Amino acid sequence: MGTVMKLKPLVVATTLTSFTLLGTSSFLYASDAHEHGIAELNVAFEAKQLEIMFLSPAANLVGFEHPPETEQQEKLIVDAVHALKQGYDIIRLPKEAVCLLKEADVEQSLLESHSSGHEEEHEHEKEHEHEEEHEHEKEHESGHSDFTVHYQFVCSKPEMLTGFTTGLFEQFPMIESIRYKMVSHEGQQGGELLPSKGDVHIKQ
């Protein structure tokens, strides 16, 4: 991959069993690196719950990283958000695991307001509006903009969840590779996904 990444923990937890949302394990990190063509997947699997966080420079998804200047650019953003919300298409799980998509939340700073998969979370989001606006301003000042997507699945037969494939390369051809990190009750793992090799194996 040829790049040394400076990493910072999202949130540090003392035990694996304490995580509820992605980022509460010390193994899961947000990268300071902003590399066009490169995206990230953070995966957490415990009991029946599978949580996945996808992070990508906006350029990988819409081809630019500035607020939309035309209706066509705005449509590209709206279409990208819509595509990312289709959790079953983006994260393809084995049918045998009987997994239900509970959440597909998309955040991006190219439009004035970020898009959420749950209307009932609107009030909760308003509480953090000031903090998010500050982060978005910092992104614009640096010339960078990112998409962050959080997926939550609940699987009735988690023992059948031995892995998944992703539709990200098909949906967004400008993504060249995806670095992934995973934590589960079986330990930690990570690697790189490519258009020709997009399978993630889950230790059971």
C-alpha atoms as a PDB file:
ATOM      1  CA  MET A   1       0.000   0.000   0.000  1.00  0.00           C
ATOM      2  CA  GLY A   2       3.029   2.210   0.392  1.00  0.00           C
ATOM      3  CA  THR A   3       1.612   4.693   2.885  1.00  0.00           C
ATOM      4  CA  VAL A   4       2.344   5.000   6.587  1.00  0.00           C
ATOM      5  CA  MET A   5      -0.864   6.072   8.296  1.00  0.00           C
ATOM      6  CA  LYS A   6      -1.063   8.080  11.475  1.00  0.00           C
ATOM      7  CA  LEU A   7      -3.861   6.558  13.534  1.00  0.00           C
ATOM      8  CA  LYS A   8      -5.917   7.799  16.436  1.00  0.00           C
ATOM      9  CA  PRO A   9      -8.480   5.782  18.426  1.00  0.00           C
ATOM     10  CA  LEU A  10     -12.112   6.800  18.072  1.00  0.00           C
ATOM     11  CA  VAL A  11     -12.913   5.722  21.614  1.00  0.00           C
ATOM     12  CA  VAL A  12     -10.888   3.392  23.802  1.00  0.00           C
ATOM     13  CA  ALA A  13     -12.687   0.594  25.638  1.00  0.00           C
ATOM     14  CA  THR A  14     -11.260  -1.698  28.260  1.00  0.00           C
ATOM     15  CA  THR A  15     -13.002  -4.818  26.965  1.00  0.00           C
ATOM     16  CA  LEU A  16     -14.383  -6.017  23.676  1.00  0.00           C
ATOM     17  CA  THR A  17     -17.765  -6.798  25.190  1.00  0.00           C
ATOM     18  CA  SER A  18     -18.280  -3.180  26.151  1.00  0.00           C
ATOM     19  CA  PHE A  19     -18.667  -1.909  22.598  1.00  0.00           C
ATOM     20  CA  THR A  20     -22.104  -1.005  21.324  1.00  0.00           C
ATOM     21  CA  LEU A  21     -21.178   1.246  18.437  1.00  0.00           C
ATOM     22  CA  LEU A  22     -18.214   1.126  16.126  1.00  0.00           C
ATOM     23  CA  GLY A  23     -15.173   2.826  17.513  1.00  0.00           C
ATOM     24  CA  THR A  24     -15.517   1.668  21.090  1.00  0.00           C
ATOM     25  CA  SER A  25     -12.779  -0.898  20.657  1.00  0.00           C
ATOM     26  CA  SER A  26      -9.183   0.228  20.806  1.00  0.00           C
ATOM     27  CA  PHE A  27      -8.566  -1.753  17.609  1.00  0.00           C
ATOM     28  CA  LEU A  28     -10.848   0.462  15.534  1.00  0.00           C
ATOM     29  CA  TYR A  29      -9.309   3.693  14.381  1.00  0.00           C
ATOM     30  CA  ALA A  30     -10.075   6.769  12.336  1.00  0.00           C
ATOM     31  CA  SER A  31      -7.232   7.621  10.024  1.00  0.00           C
ATOM     32  CA  ASP A  32      -5.714  11.065   9.686  1.00  0.00           C
ATOM     33  CA  ALA A  33      -4.753  10.132   6.127  1.00  0.00           C
ATOM     34  CA  HIS A  34      -6.949  11.464   3.319  1.00  0.00           C
ATOM     35  CA  GLU A  35      -6.039   9.555   0.186  1.00  0.00           C
ATOM     36  CA  HIS A  36      -8.023   9.678  -3.016  1.00  0.00           C
ATOM     37  CA  GLY A  37      -8.793   6.203  -4.273  1.00  0.00           C
ATOM     38  CA  ILE A  38      -8.523   4.743  -0.761  1.00  0.00           C
ATOM     39  CA  ALA A  39     -11.444   4.079   1.607  1.00  0.00           C
ATOM     40  CA  GLU A  40     -11.796   2.368   4.994  1.00  0.00           C
ATOM     41  CA  LEU A  41     -14.116  -0.145   6.641  1.00  0.00           C
ATOM     42  CA  ASN A  42     -14.224  -0.618  10.406  1.00  0.00           C
ATOM     43  CA  VAL A  43     -16.123  -3.750  11.416  1.00  0.00           C
ATOM     44  CA  ALA A  44     -17.333  -4.885  14.848  1.00  0.00           C
ATOM     45  CA  PHE A  45     -19.117  -8.213  15.377  1.00  0.00           C
ATOM     46  CA  GLU A  46     -20.432  -9.441  18.715  1.00  0.00           C
ATOM     47  CA  ALA A  47     -23.266 -11.828  19.551  1.00  0.00           C
ATOM     48  CA  LYS A  48     -25.985 -11.049  16.983  1.00  0.00           C
ATOM     49  CA  GLN A  49     -24.856  -7.545  16.177  1.00  0.00           C
ATOM     50  CA  LEU A  50     -22.716  -6.526  13.209  1.00  0.00           C
ATOM     51  CA  GLU A  51     -21.685  -2.894  12.889  1.00  0.00           C
ATOM     52  CA  ILE A  52     -19.761  -1.448   9.998  1.00  0.00           C
ATOM     53  CA  MET A  53     -18.401   2.042   9.504  1.00  0.00           C
ATOM     54  CA  PHE A  54     -17.370   3.108   6.002  1.00  0.00           C
ATOM     55  CA  LEU A  55     -15.160   6.167   5.559  1.00  0.00           C
ATOM     56  CA  SER A  56     -14.146   7.668   2.225  1.00  0.00           C
ATOM     57  CA  PRO A  57     -12.951  10.931   0.701  1.00  0.00           C
ATOM     58  CA  ALA A  58     -15.845  12.511  -1.169  1.00  0.00           C
ATOM     59  CA  ALA A  59     -13.764  12.492  -4.352  1.00  0.00           C
ATOM     60  CA  ASN A  60     -14.027   8.694  -4.447  1.00  0.00           C
ATOM     61  CA  LEU A  61     -17.814   8.868  -4.469  1.00  0.00           C
ATOM     62  CA  VAL A  62     -18.792  12.021  -6.369  1.00  0.00           C
ATOM     63  CA  GLY A  63     -15.569  13.177  -8.033  1.00  0.00           C
ATOM     64  CA  PHE A  64     -15.081  16.416  -6.082  1.00  0.00           C
ATOM     65  CA  GLU A  65     -14.712  17.705  -2.514  1.00  0.00           C
ATOM     66  CA  HIS A  66     -16.297  21.163  -2.553  1.00  0.00           C
ATOM     67  CA  PRO A  67     -19.910  22.225  -1.991  1.00  0.00           C
ATOM     68  CA  PRO A  68     -21.982  21.685  -5.149  1.00  0.00           C
ATOM     69  CA  GLU A  69     -21.751  24.490  -7.683  1.00  0.00           C
ATOM     70  CA  THR A  70     -24.326  23.141 -10.120  1.00  0.00           C
ATOM     71  CA  GLU A  71     -27.545  21.159  -9.958  1.00  0.00           C
ATOM     72  CA  GLN A  72     -25.705  18.252 -11.543  1.00  0.00           C
ATOM     73  CA  GLN A  73     -23.116  18.213  -8.744  1.00  0.00           C
ATOM     74  CA  GLU A  74     -25.854  18.402  -6.129  1.00  0.00           C
ATOM     75  CA  LYS A  75     -27.581  15.445  -7.775  1.00  0.00           C
ATOM     76  CA  LEU A  76     -24.334  13.457  -7.664  1.00  0.00           C
ATOM     77  CA  ILE A  77     -24.197  13.970  -3.887  1.00  0.00           C
ATOM     78  CA  VAL A  78     -27.864  13.099  -3.381  1.00  0.00           C
ATOM     79  CA  ASP A  79     -27.481   9.986  -5.538  1.00  0.00           C
ATOM     80  CA  ALA A  80     -24.371   8.909  -3.610  1.00  0.00           C
ATOM     81  CA  VAL A  81     -26.180   9.292  -0.284  1.00  0.00           C
ATOM     82  CA  HIS A  82     -29.126   7.289  -1.619  1.00  0.00           C
ATOM     83  CA  ALA A  83     -26.847   4.520  -2.882  1.00  0.00           C
ATOM     84  CA  LEU A  84     -24.962   4.322   0.414  1.00  0.00           C
ATOM     85  CA  LYS A  85     -28.229   3.944   2.333  1.00  0.00           C
ATOM     86  CA  GLN A  86     -28.974   0.722   0.445  1.00  0.00           C
ATOM     87  CA  GLY A  87     -27.266  -1.354   3.095  1.00  0.00           C
ATOM     88  CA  TYR A  88     -28.141  -4.741   1.631  1.00  0.00           C
ATOM     89  CA  ASP A  89     -26.513  -3.761  -1.674  1.00  0.00           C
ATOM     90  CA  ILE A  90     -23.406  -2.225  -0.098  1.00  0.00           C
ATOM     91  CA  ILE A  91     -22.840  -4.960   2.522  1.00  0.00           C
ATOM     92  CA  ARG A  92     -23.815  -8.332   1.085  1.00  0.00           C
ATOM     93  CA  LEU A  93     -24.323 -10.838   3.870  1.00  0.00           C
ATOM     94  CA  PRO A  94     -25.071 -14.567   3.531  1.00  0.00           C
ATOM     95  CA  LYS A  95     -28.807 -15.238   3.521  1.00  0.00           C
ATOM     96  CA  GLU A  96     -28.271 -18.121   5.947  1.00  0.00           C
ATOM     97  CA  ALA A  97     -27.363 -15.631   8.693  1.00  0.00           C
ATOM     98  CA  VAL A  98     -30.799 -13.940   8.423  1.00  0.00           C
ATOM     99  CA  CYS A  99     -29.480 -10.424   9.036  1.00  0.00           C
ATOM    100  CA  LEU A 100     -31.800  -7.425   9.313  1.00  0.00           C
ATOM    101  CA  LEU A 101     -30.541  -3.932   8.517  1.00  0.00           C
ATOM    102  CA  LYS A 102     -31.421  -1.741  11.507  1.00  0.00           C
ATOM    103  CA  GLU A 103     -29.558   1.419  10.554  1.00  0.00           C
ATOM    104  CA  ALA A 104     -27.892   3.024   7.542  1.00  0.00           C
ATOM    105  CA  ASP A 105     -26.749   6.497   8.528  1.00  0.00           C
ATOM    106  CA  VAL A 106     -24.857   8.690   6.054  1.00  0.00           C
ATOM    107  CA  GLU A 107     -22.947  11.811   7.027  1.00  0.00           C
ATOM    108  CA  GLN A 108     -21.323  14.170   4.549  1.00  0.00           C
ATOM    109  CA  SER A 109     -20.387  17.835   4.618  1.00  0.00           C
ATOM    110  CA  LEU A 110     -20.848  18.810   0.973  1.00  0.00           C
ATOM    111  CA  LEU A 111     -24.474  19.749   1.501  1.00  0.00           C
ATOM    112  CA  GLU A 112     -25.623  22.085   4.249  1.00  0.00           C
ATOM    113  CA  SER A 113     -27.244  19.293   6.245  1.00  0.00           C
ATOM    114  CA  HIS A 114     -26.154  15.691   6.542  1.00  0.00           C
ATOM    115  CA  SER A 115     -28.471  12.866   5.633  1.00  0.00           C
ATOM    116  CA  SER A 116     -29.679  10.363   8.194  1.00  0.00           C
ATOM    117  CA  GLY A 117     -31.405   7.035   7.783  1.00  0.00           C
ATOM    118  CA  HIS A 118     -33.696   7.672  10.772  1.00  0.00           C
ATOM    119  CA  GLU A 119     -36.021  10.658  10.988  1.00  0.00           C
ATOM    120  CA  GLU A 120     -36.574  10.055  14.688  1.00  0.00           C
ATOM    121  CA  GLU A 121     -32.920  10.879  15.329  1.00  0.00           C
ATOM    122  CA  HIS A 122     -33.402  14.458  14.124  1.00  0.00           C
ATOM    123  CA  GLU A 123     -33.587  15.952  17.604  1.00  0.00           C
ATOM    124  CA  HIS A 124     -30.540  14.013  18.747  1.00  0.00           C
ATOM    125  CA  GLU A 125     -28.636  15.217  15.687  1.00  0.00           C
ATOM    126  CA  LYS A 126     -29.561  18.847  16.423  1.00  0.00           C
ATOM    127  CA  GLU A 127     -27.833  18.561  19.781  1.00  0.00           C
ATOM    128  CA  HIS A 128     -24.590  17.864  17.955  1.00  0.00           C
ATOM    129  CA  GLU A 129     -25.187  20.337  15.128  1.00  0.00           C
ATOM    130  CA  HIS A 130     -22.696  22.866  16.419  1.00  0.00           C
ATOM    131  CA  GLU A 131     -19.936  20.282  16.807  1.00  0.00           C
ATOM    132  CA  GLU A 132     -20.569  18.863  13.337  1.00  0.00           C
ATOM    133  CA  GLU A 133     -20.617  22.308  11.724  1.00  0.00           C
ATOM    134  CA  HIS A 134     -17.248  23.027  13.314  1.00  0.00           C
ATOM    135  CA  GLU A 135     -15.787  19.809  11.909  1.00  0.00           C
ATOM    136  CA  HIS A 136     -17.278  20.536   8.489  1.00  0.00           C
ATOM    137  CA  GLU A 137     -15.740  24.017   8.489  1.00  0.00           C
ATOM    138  CA  LYS A 138     -12.347  22.486   9.254  1.00  0.00           C
ATOM    139  CA  GLU A 139     -12.789  20.065   6.356  1.00  0.00           C
ATOM    140  CA  HIS A 140     -13.629  22.852   3.932  1.00  0.00           C
ATOM    141  CA  GLU A 141     -10.686  24.948   5.098  1.00  0.00           C
ATOM    142  CA  SER A 142      -8.337  22.032   4.416  1.00  0.00           C
ATOM    143  CA  GLY A 143      -9.881  21.403   1.000  1.00  0.00           C
ATOM    144  CA  HIS A 144     -10.949  17.897   2.038  1.00  0.00           C
ATOM    145  CA  SER A 145     -14.379  16.418   2.549  1.00  0.00           C
ATOM    146  CA  ASP A 146     -15.369  12.909   3.615  1.00  0.00           C
ATOM    147  CA  PHE A 147     -18.371  10.622   3.705  1.00  0.00           C
ATOM    148  CA  THR A 148     -18.961   8.522   6.827  1.00  0.00           C
ATOM    149  CA  VAL A 149     -21.547   5.747   6.796  1.00  0.00           C
ATOM    150  CA  HIS A 150     -22.653   3.610   9.732  1.00  0.00           C
ATOM    151  CA  TYR A 151     -24.458   0.321   9.150  1.00  0.00           C
ATOM    152  CA  GLN A 152     -25.998  -1.810  11.880  1.00  0.00           C
ATOM    153  CA  PHE A 153     -27.259  -5.332  11.260  1.00  0.00           C
ATOM    154  CA  VAL A 154     -28.851  -7.785  13.682  1.00  0.00           C
ATOM    155  CA  CYS A 155     -28.498 -11.433  12.653  1.00  0.00           C
ATOM    156  CA  SER A 156     -30.834 -14.183  13.857  1.00  0.00           C
ATOM    157  CA  LYS A 157     -28.252 -16.861  13.055  1.00  0.00           C
ATOM    158  CA  PRO A 158     -24.899 -15.209  13.732  1.00  0.00           C
ATOM    159  CA  GLU A 159     -23.104 -18.566  13.602  1.00  0.00           C
ATOM    160  CA  MET A 160     -23.806 -18.539   9.857  1.00  0.00           C
ATOM    161  CA  LEU A 161     -22.200 -15.138   9.391  1.00  0.00           C
ATOM    162  CA  THR A 162     -18.820 -16.269   8.119  1.00  0.00           C
ATOM    163  CA  GLY A 163     -18.129 -13.228   5.983  1.00  0.00           C
ATOM    164  CA  PHE A 164     -19.509 -10.702   3.533  1.00  0.00           C
ATOM    165  CA  THR A 165     -18.777  -9.020   0.232  1.00  0.00           C
ATOM    166  CA  THR A 166     -19.169  -5.353  -0.630  1.00  0.00           C
ATOM    167  CA  GLY A 167     -20.813  -3.606  -3.544  1.00  0.00           C
ATOM    168  CA  LEU A 168     -18.783  -0.439  -3.023  1.00  0.00           C
ATOM    169  CA  PHE A 169     -16.403  -1.050  -5.915  1.00  0.00           C
ATOM    170  CA  GLU A 170     -19.289  -1.582  -8.323  1.00  0.00           C
ATOM    171  CA  GLN A 171     -21.233   1.432  -7.093  1.00  0.00           C
ATOM    172  CA  PHE A 172     -18.229   3.763  -6.868  1.00  0.00           C
ATOM    173  CA  PRO A 173     -15.574   2.827  -9.460  1.00  0.00           C
ATOM    174  CA  MET A 174     -13.206   5.586  -8.300  1.00  0.00           C
ATOM    175  CA  ILE A 175     -12.498   3.550  -5.152  1.00  0.00           C
ATOM    176  CA  GLU A 176      -9.281   1.653  -5.859  1.00  0.00           C
ATOM    177  CA  SER A 177      -8.872  -0.152  -2.531  1.00  0.00           C
ATOM    178  CA  ILE A 178     -10.512  -0.417   0.870  1.00  0.00           C
ATOM    179  CA  ARG A 179      -8.519  -0.976   4.044  1.00  0.00           C
ATOM    180  CA  TYR A 180     -10.513  -2.850   6.636  1.00  0.00           C
ATOM    181  CA  LYS A 181     -10.142  -3.567  10.339  1.00  0.00           C
ATOM    182  CA  MET A 182     -12.328  -5.946  12.307  1.00  0.00           C
ATOM    183  CA  VAL A 183     -12.797  -6.855  15.936  1.00  0.00           C
ATOM    184  CA  SER A 184     -14.896  -9.760  17.220  1.00  0.00           C
ATOM    185  CA  HIS A 185     -14.963 -12.198  20.132  1.00  0.00           C
ATOM    186  CA  GLU A 186     -12.417 -14.258  18.175  1.00  0.00           C
ATOM    187  CA  GLY A 187      -9.892 -11.436  18.040  1.00  0.00           C
ATOM    188  CA  GLN A 188      -8.704  -8.777  15.636  1.00  0.00           C
ATOM    189  CA  GLN A 189      -7.951  -8.841  11.962  1.00  0.00           C
ATOM    190  CA  GLY A 190      -7.461  -6.516   9.028  1.00  0.00           C
ATOM    191  CA  GLY A 191      -6.461  -6.317   5.420  1.00  0.00           C
ATOM    192  CA  GLU A 192      -7.104  -4.716   2.065  1.00  0.00           C
ATOM    193  CA  LEU A 193     -10.011  -5.185  -0.326  1.00  0.00           C
ATOM    194  CA  LEU A 194      -9.643  -4.724  -4.069  1.00  0.00           C
ATOM    195  CA  PRO A 195     -12.128  -4.746  -6.957  1.00  0.00           C
ATOM    196  CA  SER A 196     -10.876  -8.237  -7.782  1.00  0.00           C
ATOM    197  CA  LYS A 197     -10.812  -9.367  -4.147  1.00  0.00           C
ATOM    198  CA  GLY A 198     -13.682  -7.931  -2.147  1.00  0.00           C
ATOM    199  CA  ASP A 199     -14.473 -10.673   0.378  1.00  0.00           C
ATOM    200  CA  VAL A 200     -14.162 -10.198   4.134  1.00  0.00           C
ATOM    201  CA  HIS A 201     -13.864 -13.372   6.219  1.00  0.00           C
ATOM    202  CA  ILE A 202     -15.285 -13.267   9.743  1.00  0.00           C
ATOM    203  CA  LYS A 203     -13.618 -15.513  12.311  1.00  0.00           C
ATOM    204  CA  GLN A 204     -16.100 -17.674  14.205  1.00  0.00           C
END
